[in-house]
Amino acid sequence: LAVLAEDKREKLFDHANQPAEKTGHEPQDWAAQLATAKESGVWNGFPVTLDSPVTGIDWWDASAYAEWKKGRLPTQEEWFAGLNHEVKNPAGLVPSPYEPVTPETTDRTPPGLLGMAGSLSEWTAKAAPNPANPLGERLWVIIGGSHLKSGSNALTREWTGNRNLRRADLGFRILLPAE
């Protein structure tokens, strides 16, 4: 995400509805997180490398990065479609701790999607109604298990009205166009 600022093109990837006071896309504590990852050290009590998921980002950051990579955030429907592809029991996927994403990552679906069950919860592309209140306000969906929330798994969802939300267990994945 910091590369957006380095490119001096950061504003090109700002979302049309992004608040004016949101002026950058650098994750919380990014300098420390990146420096520690470069040294394969421990950051906030967790081992990190350059293969670790980025945390401390809000929806605007995730969306900007996805657009910069010529992709986008998945909708919750797409996220679930990816999760359910060749997975008989999504709730049975074993959550992984927060760790670098490597070929040894245990939280893996048969087609190879990593981290769906538990490393980080993830931002999705659009707001949706909460099934517990289908006539209520459409809120932004955060999906997937979190290493900080015991009992969460691949089917866990939460809804928020705050796209500025940043947490140590909140990240994103992007969908890239088919080549």
Protein backbone atom coordinates (compact mmCIF):
# COMPACT_ATOMS: atom_id res chain seq x y z
CA LEU A 1 0.00 0.00 0.00
CA ALA A 2 2.85 2.37 0.69
CA VAL A 3 3.91 1.93 -2.94
CA LEU A 4 0.82 3.94 -3.91
CA ALA A 5 2.34 6.94 -2.15
CA GLU A 6 5.76 6.25 -3.65
CA ASP A 7 4.19 6.21 -7.12
CA LYS A 8 2.82 9.72 -6.48
CA ARG A 9 -0.39 8.36 -8.02
CA GLU A 10 -2.22 7.66 -4.80
CA LYS A 11 -5.10 10.04 -5.56
CA LEU A 12 -5.78 8.22 -8.83
CA PHE A 13 -6.96 5.25 -6.80
CA ASP A 14 -9.09 7.09 -4.27
CA HIS A 15 -12.69 5.89 -4.30
CA ALA A 16 -15.28 8.36 -5.62
CA ASN A 17 -17.04 8.39 -2.23
CA GLN A 18 -13.87 8.55 -0.15
CA PRO A 19 -14.10 11.18 2.60
CA ALA A 20 -12.02 14.30 1.94
CA GLU A 21 -10.18 13.85 5.25
CA LYS A 22 -8.92 10.43 4.08
CA THR A 23 -5.68 11.53 2.44
CA GLY A 24 -3.55 8.40 2.20
CA HIS A 25 -3.54 4.63 2.03
CA GLU A 26 -0.74 3.60 4.36
CA PRO A 27 -1.59 0.90 6.93
CA GLN A 28 -1.45 1.66 10.64
CA ASP A 29 2.09 1.43 11.99
CA TRP A 30 3.30 0.62 8.47
CA ALA A 31 6.92 1.71 8.89
CA ALA A 32 7.38 -0.60 11.90
CA GLN A 33 5.43 -3.45 10.32
CA LEU A 34 7.43 -3.29 7.08
CA ALA A 35 10.81 -2.94 8.81
CA THR A 36 10.05 -5.95 11.01
CA ALA A 37 8.81 -8.00 8.04
CA LYS A 38 12.02 -7.28 6.12
CA GLU A 39 13.96 -8.73 9.06
CA SER A 40 11.57 -11.70 9.55
CA GLY A 41 10.97 -10.49 13.09
CA VAL A 42 8.08 -10.27 15.54
CA TRP A 43 5.55 -7.46 15.22
CA ASN A 44 2.70 -7.04 17.73
CA GLY A 45 3.53 -10.48 19.11
CA PHE A 46 3.35 -12.28 15.75
CA PRO A 47 6.09 -13.50 13.43
CA VAL A 48 6.10 -11.50 10.20
CA THR A 49 7.90 -11.70 6.89
CA LEU A 50 7.31 -10.03 3.55
CA ASP A 51 4.82 -12.89 2.92
CA SER A 52 2.60 -11.89 5.86
CA PRO A 53 -0.88 -10.47 5.28
CA VAL A 54 -1.16 -6.70 5.65
CA THR A 55 -3.32 -5.54 8.55
CA GLY A 56 -4.41 -2.17 9.91
CA ILE A 57 -6.09 -1.13 6.68
CA ASP A 58 -9.53 0.30 6.17
CA TRP A 59 -11.96 -0.33 3.30
CA TRP A 60 -10.63 2.67 1.37
CA ASP A 61 -7.06 1.33 1.56
CA ALA A 62 -8.10 -2.15 0.45
CA SER A 63 -10.14 -0.80 -2.45
CA ALA A 64 -7.35 1.54 -3.61
CA TYR A 65 -4.75 -1.23 -3.52
CA ALA A 66 -7.01 -3.62 -5.41
CA GLU A 67 -7.63 -1.01 -8.10
CA TRP A 68 -3.91 -0.22 -8.32
CA LYS A 69 -3.27 -3.94 -8.93
CA LYS A 70 -5.95 -3.80 -11.68
CA GLY A 71 -8.29 -5.93 -9.58
CA ARG A 72 -11.05 -5.40 -7.07
CA LEU A 73 -12.33 -6.60 -3.74
CA PRO A 74 -14.65 -9.62 -3.95
CA THR A 75 -18.31 -9.38 -3.05
CA GLN A 76 -19.41 -11.64 -0.23
CA GLU A 77 -21.13 -13.84 -2.83
CA GLU A 78 -17.87 -14.24 -4.76
CA TRP A 79 -15.96 -14.85 -1.54
CA PHE A 80 -18.40 -17.63 -0.57
CA ALA A 81 -18.30 -19.09 -4.10
CA GLY A 82 -14.51 -19.35 -3.84
CA LEU A 83 -14.77 -20.84 -0.38
CA ASN A 84 -17.37 -23.43 -1.37
CA HIS A 85 -15.59 -24.58 -4.54
CA GLU A 86 -14.65 -28.20 -3.81
CA VAL A 87 -15.11 -27.68 -0.04
CA LYS A 88 -17.71 -30.03 1.44
CA ASN A 89 -17.79 -28.43 4.90
CA PRO A 90 -16.51 -24.82 4.95
CA ALA A 91 -17.08 -24.54 8.71
CA GLY A 92 -14.72 -27.48 9.12
CA LEU A 93 -11.71 -25.73 7.57
CA VAL A 94 -9.02 -25.47 10.21
CA PRO A 95 -8.29 -21.81 10.94
CA SER A 96 -4.68 -20.77 10.73
CA PRO A 97 -2.94 -18.37 13.05
CA TYR A 98 -1.68 -15.05 11.78
CA GLU A 99 1.41 -16.15 9.93
CA PRO A 100 3.26 -15.64 6.67
CA VAL A 101 1.44 -17.10 3.67
CA THR A 102 3.62 -19.87 2.28
CA PRO A 103 3.17 -23.22 0.53
CA GLU A 104 3.00 -24.72 4.05
CA THR A 105 -0.01 -22.60 5.10
CA THR A 106 -2.52 -25.04 6.61
CA ASP A 107 -5.66 -22.97 6.02
CA ARG A 108 -6.04 -23.95 2.35
CA THR A 109 -9.03 -24.95 0.23
CA PRO A 110 -8.62 -27.82 -2.29
CA PRO A 111 -8.24 -25.37 -5.21
CA GLY A 112 -5.57 -23.50 -3.22
CA LEU A 113 -7.25 -20.44 -1.68
CA LEU A 114 -5.37 -19.55 1.50
CA GLY A 115 -6.52 -18.04 4.76
CA MET A 116 -10.27 -18.31 4.26
CA ALA A 117 -10.94 -19.80 7.70
CA GLY A 118 -8.99 -17.86 10.18
CA SER A 119 -5.92 -15.76 9.72
CA LEU A 120 -7.61 -12.41 9.02
CA SER A 121 -11.16 -11.25 8.52
CA GLU A 122 -11.47 -9.50 5.17
CA TRP A 123 -13.18 -6.51 3.61
CA THR A 124 -15.61 -7.20 0.78
CA ALA A 125 -16.58 -4.97 -2.12
CA LYS A 126 -20.04 -3.77 -1.23
CA ALA A 127 -22.59 -3.19 1.46
CA ALA A 128 -25.30 -5.78 2.04
CA PRO A 129 -28.16 -6.36 4.46
CA ASN A 130 -27.53 -8.40 7.57
CA PRO A 131 -29.73 -11.53 7.32
CA ALA A 132 -30.66 -11.03 10.98
CA ASN A 133 -32.25 -7.72 9.94
CA PRO A 134 -33.02 -8.00 6.20
CA LEU A 135 -35.05 -4.78 6.12
CA GLY A 136 -32.33 -2.85 7.93
CA GLU A 137 -29.60 -0.66 6.58
CA ARG A 138 -27.11 -2.11 4.11
CA LEU A 139 -23.74 -2.26 5.85
CA TRP A 140 -20.20 -3.14 4.75
CA VAL A 141 -19.44 -6.83 5.07
CA ILE A 142 -16.33 -8.20 6.76
CA ILE A 143 -15.99 -11.90 6.12
CA GLY A 144 -13.97 -14.90 7.27
CA GLY A 145 -12.39 -16.03 10.48
CA SER A 146 -9.97 -14.04 12.59
CA HIS A 147 -6.99 -15.24 14.59
CA LEU A 148 -8.09 -12.83 17.33
CA LYS A 149 -11.68 -14.12 17.60
CA SER A 150 -11.90 -17.64 18.94
CA GLY A 151 -14.79 -19.55 17.45
CA SER A 152 -14.73 -17.59 14.20
CA ASN A 153 -14.32 -19.55 10.98
CA ALA A 154 -14.69 -19.30 7.22
CA LEU A 155 -18.45 -18.69 7.54
CA THR A 156 -18.13 -15.80 10.00
CA ARG A 157 -19.49 -12.46 8.83
CA GLU A 158 -19.90 -9.11 10.48
CA TRP A 159 -21.47 -5.88 9.27
CA THR A 160 -20.21 -2.36 9.86
CA GLY A 161 -21.22 1.11 8.78
CA ASN A 162 -17.63 2.29 9.24
CA ARG A 163 -15.39 1.91 6.19
CA ASN A 164 -12.66 3.72 8.16
CA LEU A 165 -12.40 0.76 10.55
CA ARG A 166 -8.84 -0.54 11.00
CA ARG A 167 -7.98 -3.57 13.12
CA ALA A 168 -5.04 -5.88 13.71
CA ASP A 169 -7.14 -8.79 12.40
CA LEU A 170 -8.63 -7.11 9.33
CA GLY A 171 -7.17 -7.44 5.85
CA PHE A 172 -8.35 -8.11 2.31
CA ARG A 173 -7.87 -10.20 -0.79
CA ILE A 174 -8.30 -9.09 -4.37
CA LEU A 175 -9.87 -10.57 -7.47
CA LEU A 176 -7.84 -10.15 -10.61
CA PRO A 177 -9.37 -10.34 -14.08
CA ALA A 178 -8.98 -13.61 -15.94
CA GLU A 179 -6.10 -13.52 -18.37
